[in-house]
Protein backbone atom coordinates (compact mmCIF):
# COMPACT_ATOMS: atom_id res chain seq x y z
CA UNK A 1 -0.02 -0.15 0.34
CA UNK A 2 2.94 2.30 0.97
CA UNK A 3 4.38 1.49 -2.42
CA UNK A 4 1.13 2.19 -4.11
CA UNK A 5 0.75 5.87 -2.69
CA UNK A 6 4.13 6.53 -3.52
CA UNK A 7 4.26 5.34 -7.05
CA UNK A 8 1.29 6.59 -8.18
CA UNK A 9 2.15 10.24 -6.48
CA UNK A 10 5.79 10.36 -8.55
CA UNK A 11 4.36 9.05 -11.75
CA UNK A 12 1.74 12.07 -11.54
CA UNK A 13 4.69 14.33 -10.65
CA UNK A 14 6.08 13.03 -13.71
CA UNK A 15 3.45 13.13 -16.14
CA UNK A 16 1.70 16.20 -15.01
CA UNK A 17 3.79 18.91 -16.87
CA UNK A 18 3.87 16.87 -20.03
CA UNK A 19 -0.13 16.50 -19.92
CA UNK A 20 -0.73 20.55 -18.91
CA UNK A 21 1.87 21.20 -22.09
CA UNK A 22 0.09 19.03 -24.25
CA UNK A 23 -3.62 20.03 -23.18
CA UNK A 24 -2.38 23.70 -23.68
CA UNK A 25 -1.06 23.24 -27.13
CA UNK A 26 -4.54 21.47 -28.11
CA UNK A 27 -6.12 24.62 -26.67
CA UNK A 28 -8.36 22.40 -24.59
CA UNK A 29 -9.13 25.18 -21.90
CA UNK A 30 -11.89 25.45 -19.47
CA UNK A 31 -15.14 27.33 -20.16
CA UNK A 32 -16.74 29.65 -17.54
CA UNK A 33 -20.71 29.95 -16.96
CA UNK A 34 -21.70 33.71 -17.59
CA UNK A 35 -24.06 33.57 -14.23
CA UNK A 36 -21.17 31.50 -12.39
CA UNK A 37 -18.90 33.40 -9.88
CA UNK A 38 -17.11 36.48 -11.59
CA UNK A 39 -13.85 36.25 -9.55
CA UNK A 40 -13.63 32.74 -11.71
CA UNK A 41 -13.61 34.29 -15.09
CA UNK A 42 -10.06 34.84 -15.05
CA UNK A 43 -9.49 31.09 -14.73
CA UNK A 44 -10.87 30.69 -18.53
CA UNK A 45 -8.56 29.19 -20.73
CA UNK A 46 -6.85 27.42 -18.00
CA UNK A 47 -6.05 23.74 -19.19
CA UNK A 48 -9.15 21.19 -18.49
CA UNK A 49 -9.38 17.45 -18.64
CA UNK A 50 -6.06 17.45 -15.99
CA UNK A 51 -7.98 14.44 -14.44
CA UNK A 52 -5.24 12.20 -16.65
CA UNK A 53 -2.37 13.35 -14.25
CA UNK A 54 -3.95 10.98 -11.62
CA UNK A 55 -6.13 8.88 -13.22
CA UNK A 56 -3.13 7.28 -15.80
CA UNK A 57 -0.78 6.75 -12.47
CA UNK A 58 -3.71 4.85 -10.29
CA UNK A 59 -4.43 2.58 -13.39
CA UNK A 60 -0.58 1.84 -13.68
CA UNK A 61 -0.16 1.53 -10.35
CA UNK A 62 -3.15 -0.77 -9.69
CA UNK A 63 -1.95 -2.85 -12.50
CA UNK A 64 1.40 -3.22 -10.94
CA UNK A 65 0.64 -3.92 -7.17
CA UNK A 66 -3.00 -5.30 -6.80
CA UNK A 67 -4.07 -8.86 -7.49
CA UNK A 68 -6.87 -8.74 -10.14
CA UNK A 69 -9.98 -9.80 -9.07
CA UNK A 70 -13.65 -8.95 -9.49
CA UNK A 71 -13.92 -5.95 -6.84
CA UNK A 72 -10.44 -4.53 -8.54
CA UNK A 73 -12.01 -5.00 -12.05
CA UNK A 74 -15.05 -3.58 -11.24
CA UNK A 75 -13.13 -0.17 -9.55
CA UNK A 76 -11.60 0.36 -13.17
CA UNK A 77 -14.65 -0.61 -14.61
CA UNK A 78 -15.94 2.49 -13.00
CA UNK A 79 -13.10 4.50 -12.65
CA UNK A 80 -12.22 4.05 -16.04
CA UNK A 81 -15.86 4.18 -17.75
CA UNK A 82 -16.80 7.16 -15.85
CA UNK A 83 -13.42 8.76 -16.35
CA UNK A 84 -14.12 8.24 -20.38
CA UNK A 85 -17.86 9.70 -19.95
CA UNK A 86 -16.70 12.89 -18.34
CA UNK A 87 -13.81 13.07 -21.44
CA UNK A 88 -16.58 12.86 -24.04
CA UNK A 89 -18.46 16.00 -21.87
CA UNK A 90 -15.12 17.86 -21.69
CA UNK A 91 -14.37 17.41 -25.17
CA UNK A 92 -18.12 18.37 -26.54
CA UNK A 93 -17.33 21.50 -24.28
CA UNK A 94 -14.36 22.39 -26.48
CA UNK A 95 -15.50 21.67 -29.65
CA UNK A 96 -18.93 23.26 -29.08
CA UNK A 97 -16.99 26.31 -26.98
CA UNK A 98 -19.68 26.31 -24.11
CA UNK A 99 -19.76 25.56 -20.50
CA UNK A 100 -22.30 22.79 -21.15
CA UNK A 101 -21.09 19.41 -22.71
CA UNK A 102 -22.96 16.43 -23.18
CA UNK A 103 -26.43 16.60 -22.29
CA UNK A 104 -27.88 15.60 -18.70
CA UNK A 105 -29.85 12.73 -20.22
CA UNK A 106 -26.72 11.59 -22.13
CA UNK A 107 -24.63 11.56 -18.80
CA UNK A 108 -27.04 10.02 -17.20
CA UNK A 109 -27.98 7.21 -19.27
CA UNK A 110 -24.03 6.25 -19.49
CA UNK A 111 -23.99 6.26 -15.94
CA UNK A 112 -27.16 4.24 -15.06
CA UNK A 113 -25.69 1.67 -17.80
CA UNK A 114 -22.03 1.49 -15.80
CA UNK A 115 -23.93 1.45 -12.23
CA UNK A 116 -26.18 -1.71 -13.77
CA UNK A 117 -23.19 -3.36 -14.79
CA UNK A 118 -21.78 -2.99 -11.59
CA UNK A 119 -24.50 -4.24 -9.78
CA UNK A 120 -25.29 -7.21 -12.06
CA UNK A 121 -21.74 -8.37 -11.27
CA UNK A 122 -21.84 -8.09 -7.85
CA UNK A 123 -25.14 -10.01 -7.74
CA UNK A 124 -24.79 -12.60 -10.52
CA UNK A 125 -21.23 -13.30 -10.82
CA UNK A 126 -20.05 -16.84 -10.15
CA UNK A 127 -17.63 -17.24 -7.65
CA UNK A 128 -17.86 -14.31 -5.30
CA UNK A 129 -18.92 -15.29 -1.93
CA UNK A 130 -19.63 -13.28 1.25
CA UNK A 131 -19.68 -14.63 4.77
CA UNK A 132 -20.37 -13.48 8.15
CA UNK A 133 -18.06 -14.56 10.86
CA UNK A 134 -19.45 -15.87 13.91
CA UNK A 135 -17.62 -15.19 17.22
CA UNK A 136 -15.35 -17.63 18.54
CA UNK A 137 -17.62 -17.67 21.78
CA UNK A 138 -20.49 -18.94 19.63
CA UNK A 139 -19.36 -21.55 17.01
CA UNK A 140 -16.38 -19.65 15.44
CA UNK A 141 -17.64 -20.69 12.43
CA UNK A 142 -18.99 -18.37 9.37
CA UNK A 143 -22.78 -17.51 8.24
CA UNK A 144 -22.81 -17.20 4.35
CA UNK A 145 -24.19 -14.21 3.36
CA UNK A 146 -26.73 -13.86 0.11
CA UNK A 147 -25.22 -11.71 -2.79
CA UNK A 148 -27.81 -9.02 -2.21
CA UNK A 149 -26.82 -8.12 1.36
CA UNK A 150 -25.53 -4.68 2.66
CA UNK A 151 -23.91 -3.67 5.85
CA UNK A 152 -26.15 -0.88 7.78
CA UNK A 153 -24.34 1.18 10.42
CA UNK A 154 -25.07 -0.03 13.87
CA UNK A 155 -27.91 -2.99 12.71
CA UNK A 156 -25.30 -5.41 10.64
CA UNK A 157 -25.96 -6.97 7.77
CA UNK A 158 -29.20 -6.61 5.77
CA UNK A 159 -30.59 -8.85 2.77
CA UNK A 160 -32.36 -5.96 0.51
CA UNK A 161 -33.60 -8.51 -2.00
CA UNK A 162 -34.99 -7.38 -5.12
CA UNK A 163 -33.67 -3.89 -4.29
CA UNK A 164 -30.27 -4.59 -4.45
CA UNK A 165 -29.67 -3.85 -8.58
CA UNK A 166 -31.50 -0.29 -8.38
CA UNK A 167 -30.12 0.53 -4.69
CA UNK A 168 -26.64 -0.04 -6.33
CA UNK A 169 -27.24 1.64 -9.71
CA UNK A 170 -28.30 4.80 -7.34
CA UNK A 171 -25.39 4.46 -5.35
CA UNK A 172 -23.42 4.68 -8.01
CA UNK A 173 -24.90 7.44 -10.02
CA UNK A 174 -25.10 9.24 -6.89
CA UNK A 175 -21.64 9.38 -5.84
CA UNK A 176 -20.57 10.18 -9.56
CA UNK A 177 -22.75 12.99 -9.88
CA UNK A 178 -22.01 14.32 -6.08
CA UNK A 179 -18.28 14.32 -6.75
CA UNK A 180 -18.65 16.40 -9.89
CA UNK A 181 -20.43 18.69 -8.29
CA UNK A 182 -17.90 19.35 -5.58
CA UNK A 183 -15.28 20.25 -8.50
CA UNK A 184 -15.52 23.76 -8.58
CA UNK A 185 -12.87 25.03 -6.42
CA UNK A 186 -8.98 24.69 -7.08
CA UNK A 187 -8.14 21.78 -4.96
CA UNK A 188 -11.67 21.00 -3.42
CA UNK A 189 -12.75 17.59 -5.34
CA UNK A 190 -8.72 15.82 -5.45
CA UNK A 191 -8.06 16.93 -1.87
CA UNK A 192 -12.11 15.59 -0.43
CA UNK A 193 -11.66 12.42 -2.49
CA UNK A 194 -7.97 11.85 -1.10
CA UNK A 195 -9.39 12.08 2.43
CA UNK A 196 -12.49 9.84 1.70
CA UNK A 197 -10.56 7.14 0.27
CA UNK A 198 -8.17 6.43 3.69
CA UNK A 199 -11.42 5.06 5.57
CA UNK A 200 -12.34 2.78 2.42
CA UNK A 201 -8.50 1.68 2.66
CA UNK A 202 -9.24 0.68 6.64
CA UNK A 203 -12.57 -0.84 5.55
CA UNK A 204 -11.13 -3.06 2.42
CA UNK A 205 -8.18 -4.25 4.41
CA UNK A 206 -10.55 -5.08 7.65
CA UNK A 207 -13.45 -6.70 5.19
CA UNK A 208 -10.76 -8.97 3.13
CA UNK A 209 -9.38 -10.42 6.19
CA UNK A 210 -11.54 -13.27 8.05
CA UNK A 211 -9.50 -12.57 11.76
CA UNK A 212 -10.16 -8.62 11.37
CA UNK A 213 -13.94 -9.56 10.27
CA UNK A 214 -14.56 -11.41 13.15
CA UNK A 215 -12.64 -9.21 15.52
CA UNK A 216 -14.76 -6.27 14.63
CA UNK A 217 -18.20 -8.32 13.57
CA UNK A 218 -18.46 -7.29 10.37
CA UNK A 219 -18.91 -9.16 6.83
CA UNK A 220 -16.07 -11.06 5.28
CA UNK A 221 -15.94 -10.24 1.36
CA UNK A 222 -12.81 -12.61 0.05
CA UNK A 223 -10.60 -10.36 -2.30
CA UNK A 224 -11.82 -7.15 -1.02
CA UNK A 225 -8.98 -6.43 0.69
CA UNK A 226 -7.09 -5.88 -2.90
CA UNK A 227 -9.46 -2.71 -2.77
CA UNK A 228 -6.83 -1.24 -0.31
CA UNK A 229 -4.27 -0.91 -3.23
CA UNK A 230 -7.18 1.05 -5.29
CA UNK A 231 -7.33 3.23 -2.51
CA UNK A 232 -3.79 3.95 -1.77
CA UNK A 233 -3.29 4.39 -5.71
CA UNK A 234 -5.85 7.07 -5.60
CA UNK A 235 -4.66 8.87 -2.68
CA UNK A 236 -1.36 9.21 -4.43
CA UNK A 237 -2.71 10.22 -7.32
CA UNK A 238 -4.72 12.89 -5.99
CA UNK A 239 -1.56 14.08 -4.06
CA UNK A 240 0.53 14.57 -7.07
CA UNK A 241 -2.58 16.13 -8.97
CA UNK A 242 -2.80 18.89 -5.83
CA UNK A 243 0.98 19.63 -6.64
CA UNK A 244 -0.57 21.70 -10.11
CA UNK A 245 -4.32 21.89 -8.85
CA UNK A 246 -3.67 23.80 -5.75
CA UNK A 247 -4.64 27.60 -5.87
CA UNK A 248 -3.85 29.46 -8.15
CA UNK A 249 -4.59 26.33 -10.49
CA UNK A 250 -2.34 25.62 -13.44
CA UNK A 251 -4.66 22.85 -14.54
CA UNK A 252 -8.34 21.41 -13.57
CA UNK A 253 -9.30 17.81 -13.32
CA UNK A 254 -12.64 18.20 -15.67
CA UNK A 255 -15.23 15.69 -15.83
CA UNK A 256 -12.72 13.23 -16.99
CA UNK A 257 -11.15 13.45 -13.47
CA UNK A 258 -14.21 14.11 -11.33
CA UNK A 259 -16.36 11.93 -12.66
CA UNK A 260 -13.39 9.18 -12.60
CA UNK A 261 -13.05 9.87 -8.71
CA UNK A 262 -16.47 9.52 -8.41
CA UNK A 263 -17.01 6.29 -9.94
CA UNK A 264 -14.21 4.83 -8.18
CA UNK A 265 -15.41 6.02 -4.68
CA UNK A 266 -18.92 4.46 -5.77
CA UNK A 267 -16.64 1.19 -6.24
CA UNK A 268 -15.05 0.81 -3.16
CA UNK A 269 -18.22 1.42 -1.38
CA UNK A 270 -20.22 -1.46 -3.12
CA UNK A 271 -17.20 -3.55 -3.32
CA UNK A 272 -16.93 -3.60 0.35
CA UNK A 273 -20.78 -3.33 0.55
CA UNK A 274 -20.47 -0.11 2.71
CA UNK A 275 -22.64 1.79 0.57
CA UNK A 276 -24.57 3.61 3.67
CA UNK A 277 -21.44 3.99 5.56
CA UNK A 278 -20.31 6.39 2.49
CA UNK A 279 -23.01 8.43 3.07
CA UNK A 280 -21.27 9.63 6.27
CA UNK A 281 -17.30 9.23 4.98
CA UNK A 282 -18.44 11.22 1.86
CA UNK A 283 -20.81 13.44 3.78
CA UNK A 284 -19.14 16.73 1.99
CA UNK A 285 -20.31 15.19 -1.41
CA UNK A 286 -23.97 14.40 0.10
CA UNK A 287 -23.91 18.10 1.20
CA UNK A 288 -23.01 19.57 -1.84
CA UNK A 289 -25.39 17.50 -4.04
CA UNK A 290 -28.32 18.31 -1.73
CA UNK A 291 -27.51 21.54 -1.73
CA UNK A 292 -27.90 21.87 -5.45
CA UNK A 293 -31.43 19.66 -5.08
CA UNK A 294 -32.71 22.31 -2.61
CA UNK A 295 -31.62 25.08 -4.42
CA UNK A 296 -33.69 24.06 -7.90
CA UNK A 297 -36.44 22.58 -5.97
CA UNK A 298 -37.11 25.53 -4.10
CA UNK A 299 -36.25 28.20 -7.00
CA UNK A 300 -38.84 26.35 -9.05
CA UNK A 301 -41.75 25.95 -6.31
CA UNK A 302 -41.12 29.72 -5.34
CA UNK A 303 -40.94 31.24 -8.87
CA UNK A 304 -37.42 32.51 -8.44
CA UNK A 305 -36.43 32.64 -4.47
CA UNK A 306 -33.04 31.02 -3.63
CA UNK A 307 -32.10 29.44 -0.36
CA UNK A 308 -28.56 30.02 -1.24
CA UNK A 309 -26.32 32.87 -3.06
CA UNK A 310 -25.26 29.97 -5.29
CA UNK A 311 -25.24 26.32 -5.72
CA UNK A 312 -23.57 24.11 -5.06
CA UNK A 313 -22.82 25.48 -1.61
CA UNK A 314 -18.68 25.92 -1.72
CA UNK A 315 -19.89 29.05 -4.12
CA UNK A 316 -22.55 30.17 -1.48
CA UNK A 317 -19.49 30.61 0.77
CA UNK A 318 -17.46 32.10 -1.90
CA UNK A 319 -19.71 34.90 -2.38
CA UNK A 320 -20.46 35.28 1.24
CA UNK A 321 -16.66 36.86 1.60
CA UNK A 322 -14.79 33.92 2.46
CA UNK A 323 -11.61 33.45 -0.09
CA UNK A 324 -11.48 30.61 -2.13
CA UNK A 325 -8.36 29.08 -0.20
CA UNK A 326 -10.26 29.44 2.98
CA UNK A 327 -13.48 27.55 1.67
CA UNK A 328 -11.48 24.81 0.27
CA UNK A 329 -9.45 24.04 3.57
CA UNK A 330 -12.37 24.11 5.67
CA UNK A 331 -14.49 21.60 3.48
CA UNK A 332 -11.30 19.59 3.90
CA UNK A 333 -11.42 19.66 7.23
CA UNK A 334 -15.26 18.99 7.53
CA UNK A 335 -14.70 16.01 5.07
CA UNK A 336 -11.91 14.79 7.44
CA UNK A 337 -14.43 14.85 10.34
CA UNK A 338 -17.01 13.19 8.41
CA UNK A 339 -14.63 10.49 7.31
CA UNK A 340 -13.16 9.31 10.71
CA UNK A 341 -17.14 9.43 11.72
CA UNK A 342 -18.03 6.72 9.03
CA UNK A 343 -14.80 5.04 10.09
CA UNK A 344 -16.09 5.12 13.99
CA UNK A 345 -19.42 3.59 12.96
CA UNK A 346 -17.62 1.05 10.92
CA UNK A 347 -15.40 0.17 14.01
CA UNK A 348 -18.51 0.40 16.66
CA UNK A 349 -19.34 -3.15 15.32
CA UNK A 350 -16.80 -4.23 17.85
CA UNK A 351 -18.77 -2.87 20.67
CA UNK A 352 -22.00 -4.43 19.64
CA UNK A 353 -21.05 -7.50 17.83
CA UNK A 354 -22.32 -8.94 14.41
CA UNK A 355 -26.14 -9.21 13.92
CA UNK A 356 -28.43 -9.70 11.03
């Protein structure tokens, strides 16, 4: 895992200047919405699609250090698939010289297809098994779990049955869009995702090892520990990207990067069956998405009134007078506390024992 962090970080530093220079040469620059924050207009023309700076090192590092299995393949599928969809969106913006790329329906359709494929793999792929280790004080054996189960904070494991496919699809689509909405300030998306993957690294390691899973009273998912390499690779890549994306940014990740990040984080959640824990671990992304939903709904309901000065909510704080750097750092802190809270909820199974 340490080698994965270092390798991904160093590779990002090496390819970063080359990617930026190539994007500038091809004139793939950011377009700014007219109705957006006025101070952001000076960012027009900054190279976008810079998500390649962490996406390429992440993939190389995963293929180098991880043992390929269904869970690692799922992370690569959602990360690369969403990244490709985002790249199409970025290129459409450049070609049409506008701030909007693919239509919302086109992006949503692609996300739903990828989410459904992921759900079908976890539900029906032969050879995947999940177990609930029983305490040594009971029988010390393992209880075989159905392929449509999820882990619920405090409560334990729950079989959602026929709801599993739509539930997992929704998680993938929601996380992808939530991270995409968060990508609006220099260093915000890369920093918050970097913080969020650290709890998933611990969760993946515990979930994939029988002794640790039994000790904590959580589900044992053989092979899920390889997702820890995915977490480490993504963390290192995000650090490398921040080297170039820190304020004032030399490059933006674009939808190529933000959608790839969202897809990969979603893969970590569904692969470890901790979808509901991810709502807390990635709580900042949930807040960002909810701010947009509330703003749009209230605007339509009141025929023009707003709750926030602008959504997503990070722009609201900008317009209240917070400097961009202050918004970013404070959002990192908020997400760190939420990530630790989510990890604490996962660890709380130690005190309540396995249930289901």
